[in-house]
Amino acid sequence: MRYGDLCLKAALDTETFKRFRSHDQYTPILEHVDANSGAHYLKIILEKGYTLDEVLEIIKPLQQIGGPQLVDIGISVTVSTTALRYFKVALDIIGQCGKDLGRVTEIGCGHGGGQAIILSQLASIDYYTFIDMWQVNLLIQRFIEESNFRIPYDVKTIRQAIHPYKADLLISNYAFSEFDIKLQSLCVNKFILNSRRGYLTMSTGLKGLSFNNQHDRHISSELLLSLLPNSKILKEIPQTAPSNYIVTW
């Protein structure tokens, strides 16, 4: 079953929804954070001053909805290591942008409840827009409605969103970096250049590519930095693959 088809089935079928996050076609894409990485994320979170009880309360919706695989990382309970990753990324975003995030747009949201649910409990958000495939958007709506997410939101495909689409903060965890160059170009012109701040986790390496060469598969870090004033590259911590990095502005 293709990813989009599985998301659609999970959105429409209650039994599939109860366990889709443990499905063997879903876990390699969005639920694959290993125990060592999960323990590293938790260590960073606790060093920021959160207690384990606070962490478990904040990630509680992501421990339950959709039937995730819960992992033993050496603490008193098993946890969603993916939820811990969203928590750590949320702290990174707050460290870069502060707690008043305004209007947030996320490109490539998985089931949608991960980054948004954690951020909504740690920061102030006026409005949240989820950008993904139409099948995934139906799953996002179901997941969000099952959760404790209380922020006004909408879901759109890339092409449904108006141009330019203005946001105070644009987020993409890996998804934007893995689009082909034509779709990346559309995202840059519609979303990225019109977002006051941004946090992009990139997984396709730093090698220089451009929009002009149709043989190029992905945008380069050099081009992104040249387009975005005050942008910079940060190291992903912990680094989940040798080619991964973060672009912020």
Protein backbone atom coordinates (compact mmCIF):
# COMPACT_ATOMS: atom_id res chain seq x y z
CA MET A 1 0.00 0.00 0.00
CA ARG A 2 1.37 3.42 -0.95
CA TYR A 3 1.89 6.07 1.72
CA GLY A 4 -0.91 8.33 0.47
CA ASP A 5 -3.34 5.42 0.25
CA LEU A 6 -2.51 4.32 3.80
CA CYS A 7 -3.06 7.86 5.11
CA LEU A 8 -6.41 8.03 3.33
CA LYS A 9 -7.48 4.66 4.72
CA ALA A 10 -6.42 5.72 8.24
CA ALA A 11 -8.43 8.92 7.89
CA LEU A 12 -11.58 7.08 6.84
CA ASP A 13 -11.39 3.76 8.67
CA THR A 14 -11.50 3.73 12.48
CA GLU A 15 -9.69 0.42 12.93
CA THR A 16 -6.84 1.50 10.64
CA PHE A 17 -6.65 4.86 12.40
CA LYS A 18 -6.18 3.15 15.75
CA ARG A 19 -2.91 1.54 14.64
CA PHE A 20 -1.65 3.27 11.48
CA ARG A 21 1.51 4.60 13.18
CA SER A 22 2.69 1.01 13.69
CA HIS A 23 1.94 -0.04 10.09
CA ASP A 24 4.99 -1.43 8.28
CA GLN A 25 4.41 1.01 5.40
CA TYR A 26 4.24 4.01 7.75
CA THR A 27 6.97 3.42 10.32
CA PRO A 28 9.92 3.64 7.87
CA ILE A 29 8.72 7.08 6.78
CA LEU A 30 7.68 8.81 9.99
CA GLU A 31 8.01 6.54 13.04
CA HIS A 32 11.58 5.28 12.87
CA VAL A 33 13.51 7.15 15.59
CA ASP A 34 15.65 4.54 17.35
CA ALA A 35 16.12 4.09 21.10
CA ASN A 36 19.56 5.73 21.22
CA SER A 37 18.34 8.84 19.42
CA GLY A 38 15.24 8.95 21.63
CA ALA A 39 17.40 8.81 24.76
CA HIS A 40 19.60 11.60 23.34
CA TYR A 41 16.55 13.78 22.64
CA LEU A 42 15.24 13.21 26.16
CA LYS A 43 18.63 14.08 27.67
CA ILE A 44 18.64 17.41 25.80
CA ILE A 45 15.05 18.15 26.89
CA LEU A 46 15.78 17.41 30.55
CA GLU A 47 18.91 19.58 30.40
CA LYS A 48 16.61 22.45 29.35
CA GLY A 49 14.91 22.18 32.75
CA TYR A 50 11.88 19.98 32.07
CA THR A 51 11.11 17.11 34.43
CA LEU A 52 10.33 13.65 33.11
CA ASP A 53 6.74 13.97 34.35
CA GLU A 54 6.34 17.24 32.43
CA VAL A 55 7.73 15.66 29.28
CA LEU A 56 5.41 12.68 29.52
CA GLU A 57 2.39 14.95 30.03
CA ILE A 58 3.29 17.11 27.01
CA ILE A 59 3.80 14.14 24.68
CA LYS A 60 0.78 12.23 26.04
CA PRO A 61 -1.40 12.65 22.92
CA LEU A 62 1.44 11.30 20.78
CA GLN A 63 1.82 8.31 23.08
CA GLN A 64 -1.73 7.19 22.32
CA ILE A 65 -3.35 8.44 19.11
CA GLY A 66 -2.73 6.27 16.07
CA GLY A 67 -1.15 3.38 17.95
CA PRO A 68 2.56 4.30 17.83
CA GLN A 69 5.33 1.87 18.63
CA LEU A 70 6.53 2.69 22.14
CA VAL A 71 10.23 2.17 22.79
CA ASP A 72 12.27 1.28 25.86
CA ILE A 73 14.93 3.99 26.27
CA GLY A 74 15.90 3.11 29.83
CA ILE A 75 13.34 5.09 31.82
CA SER A 76 10.30 3.98 33.82
CA VAL A 77 7.94 3.84 30.82
CA THR A 78 8.14 3.13 27.13
CA VAL A 79 7.79 6.21 24.93
CA SER A 80 7.23 7.41 21.39
CA THR A 81 10.76 8.35 20.37
CA THR A 82 9.26 10.29 17.47
CA ALA A 83 7.37 12.45 19.99
CA LEU A 84 10.65 13.17 21.80
CA ARG A 85 12.16 14.29 18.53
CA TYR A 86 9.26 16.70 17.93
CA PHE A 87 9.77 18.03 21.48
CA LYS A 88 13.48 18.65 20.92
CA VAL A 89 12.82 20.36 17.57
CA ALA A 90 10.18 22.54 19.24
CA LEU A 91 12.79 23.67 21.77
CA ASP A 92 15.19 24.44 18.92
CA ILE A 93 12.53 26.52 17.17
CA ILE A 94 11.73 28.44 20.35
CA GLY A 95 15.45 29.01 20.89
CA GLN A 96 15.70 30.55 17.41
CA CYS A 97 12.37 32.40 17.28
CA GLY A 98 11.14 32.92 20.83
CA LYS A 99 7.81 31.78 22.25
CA ASP A 100 5.54 34.17 20.32
CA LEU A 101 5.36 32.35 16.98
CA GLY A 102 2.33 34.05 15.42
CA ARG A 103 1.03 32.42 12.23
CA VAL A 104 2.82 29.10 11.62
CA THR A 105 2.91 27.11 8.39
CA GLU A 106 4.27 23.56 8.26
CA ILE A 107 5.11 21.82 4.98
CA GLY A 108 5.03 18.03 5.03
CA CYS A 109 3.30 17.24 8.30
CA GLY A 110 2.94 13.46 8.49
CA HIS A 111 -0.19 12.85 10.55
CA GLY A 112 0.01 16.52 11.55
CA GLY A 113 -0.22 16.05 15.26
CA GLY A 114 3.47 15.82 16.01
CA GLN A 115 5.22 19.15 15.70
CA ALA A 116 2.04 21.18 16.01
CA ILE A 117 0.79 19.55 19.22
CA ILE A 118 4.14 19.92 20.98
CA LEU A 119 4.67 23.50 19.83
CA SER A 120 1.16 24.48 20.88
CA GLN A 121 1.95 23.50 24.46
CA LEU A 122 5.32 25.25 24.63
CA ALA A 123 4.72 28.46 22.67
CA SER A 124 2.06 30.97 21.67
CA ILE A 125 0.58 30.36 18.20
CA ASP A 126 -2.13 32.45 16.55
CA TYR A 127 -2.92 30.14 13.62
CA TYR A 128 -1.47 26.92 12.19
CA THR A 129 -1.56 25.88 8.54
CA PHE A 130 -0.73 22.31 7.54
CA ILE A 131 0.51 21.83 3.96
CA ASP A 132 0.52 18.28 2.60
CA MET A 133 -1.05 15.91 0.06
CA TRP A 134 -4.84 15.84 0.03
CA GLN A 135 -4.95 12.27 1.38
CA VAL A 136 -2.65 13.20 4.25
CA ASN A 137 -4.66 16.33 4.95
CA LEU A 138 -7.71 14.21 5.74
CA LEU A 139 -5.62 12.21 8.22
CA ILE A 140 -4.24 15.44 9.73
CA GLN A 141 -7.78 16.68 10.36
CA ARG A 142 -8.79 13.44 12.05
CA PHE A 143 -5.64 13.32 14.18
CA ILE A 144 -5.91 16.96 15.26
CA GLU A 145 -9.57 16.58 16.17
CA GLU A 146 -8.70 13.57 18.35
CA SER A 147 -6.01 15.55 20.20
CA ASN A 148 -5.92 18.46 22.64
CA PHE A 149 -4.96 20.94 19.90
CA ARG A 150 -6.98 24.12 20.47
CA ILE A 151 -5.41 26.54 18.00
CA PRO A 152 -7.33 27.65 14.89
CA TYR A 153 -5.96 25.77 11.89
CA ASP A 154 -6.48 24.81 8.29
CA VAL A 155 -5.10 22.19 5.91
CA LYS A 156 -4.13 22.80 2.30
CA THR A 157 -2.21 21.23 -0.53
CA ILE A 158 0.73 23.18 -1.92
CA ARG A 159 -1.31 24.22 -4.94
CA GLN A 160 -4.42 25.15 -2.95
CA ALA A 161 -2.54 27.71 -0.90
CA ILE A 162 -2.76 31.23 -2.22
CA HIS A 163 0.32 32.98 -3.62
CA PRO A 164 2.07 34.55 -1.80
CA TYR A 165 1.31 32.66 1.41
CA LYS A 166 2.57 34.79 4.29
CA ALA A 167 3.61 33.28 7.62
CA ASP A 168 5.50 34.41 10.69
CA LEU A 169 7.20 31.00 10.86
CA LEU A 170 7.65 28.29 8.27
CA ILE A 171 8.59 24.76 9.39
CA SER A 172 9.51 21.67 7.41
CA ASN A 173 11.05 18.60 8.99
CA TYR A 174 12.79 16.86 6.05
CA ALA A 175 9.81 17.02 3.68
CA PHE A 176 10.76 20.16 1.72
CA SER A 177 14.33 18.94 1.24
CA GLU A 178 13.08 15.69 -0.31
CA PHE A 179 10.76 17.29 -2.88
CA ASP A 180 11.97 17.37 -6.48
CA ILE A 181 13.42 20.63 -7.74
CA LYS A 182 10.20 21.79 -9.45
CA LEU A 183 8.11 21.38 -6.32
CA GLN A 184 10.85 22.97 -4.22
CA SER A 185 10.86 25.96 -6.57
CA LEU A 186 7.11 26.33 -6.10
CA CYS A 187 7.51 26.15 -2.31
CA VAL A 188 10.32 28.69 -2.30
CA ASN A 189 8.35 31.25 -4.28
CA LYS A 190 4.99 30.66 -2.61
CA PHE A 191 5.98 30.01 1.02
CA ILE A 192 9.64 30.36 1.94
CA LEU A 193 10.32 33.80 0.51
CA ASN A 194 7.13 35.09 2.15
CA SER A 195 7.83 33.74 5.64
CA ARG A 196 9.39 36.07 8.20
CA ARG A 197 11.21 33.23 9.96
CA GLY A 198 11.88 29.61 9.15
CA TYR A 199 13.25 26.30 10.36
CA LEU A 200 13.99 23.66 7.72
CA THR A 201 15.55 20.31 8.55
CA MET A 202 17.27 19.22 5.35
CA SER A 203 18.27 15.67 4.44
CA THR A 204 19.72 15.93 0.94
CA GLY A 205 23.19 17.30 1.57
CA LEU A 206 24.91 20.63 1.01
CA LYS A 207 26.02 20.05 -2.59
CA GLY A 208 25.35 23.01 -4.88
CA LEU A 209 22.37 22.65 -7.18
CA SER A 210 20.22 25.26 -8.88
CA PHE A 211 16.72 25.77 -10.23
CA ASN A 212 18.04 26.24 -13.77
CA ASN A 213 19.45 22.76 -14.36
CA GLN A 214 16.60 20.31 -14.88
CA HIS A 215 18.92 17.41 -14.07
CA ASP A 216 19.35 18.71 -10.53
CA ARG A 217 17.18 16.88 -8.04
CA HIS A 218 17.19 19.23 -5.03
CA ILE A 219 17.84 22.83 -4.11
CA SER A 220 21.27 23.60 -2.70
CA SER A 221 22.12 25.13 0.64
CA GLU A 222 24.04 27.85 -1.21
CA LEU A 223 20.97 28.91 -3.14
CA LEU A 224 18.72 28.87 -0.10
CA LEU A 225 21.15 31.02 1.87
CA SER A 226 21.47 33.48 -1.01
CA LEU A 227 17.68 33.87 -1.21
CA LEU A 228 17.02 34.31 2.52
CA PRO A 229 18.39 37.35 4.38
CA ASN A 230 19.97 36.55 7.76
CA SER A 231 19.79 32.81 7.07
CA LYS A 232 22.31 30.33 8.41
CA ILE A 233 23.11 26.65 8.56
CA LEU A 234 23.02 24.79 11.86
CA LYS A 235 24.14 21.28 12.71
CA GLU A 236 21.40 18.76 13.40
CA ILE A 237 21.82 17.46 16.97
CA PRO A 238 21.84 14.53 17.22
CA GLN A 239 22.64 14.13 13.55
CA THR A 240 20.33 11.45 12.18
CA ALA A 241 22.21 11.08 8.87
CA PRO A 242 25.58 12.40 7.61
CA SER A 243 23.91 14.64 4.98
CA ASN A 244 21.42 16.29 7.34
CA TYR A 245 21.56 19.96 8.34
CA ILE A 246 19.20 22.77 9.37
CA VAL A 247 18.51 26.09 7.66
CA THR A 248 17.06 28.90 9.76
CA TRP A 249 16.31 32.56 9.08
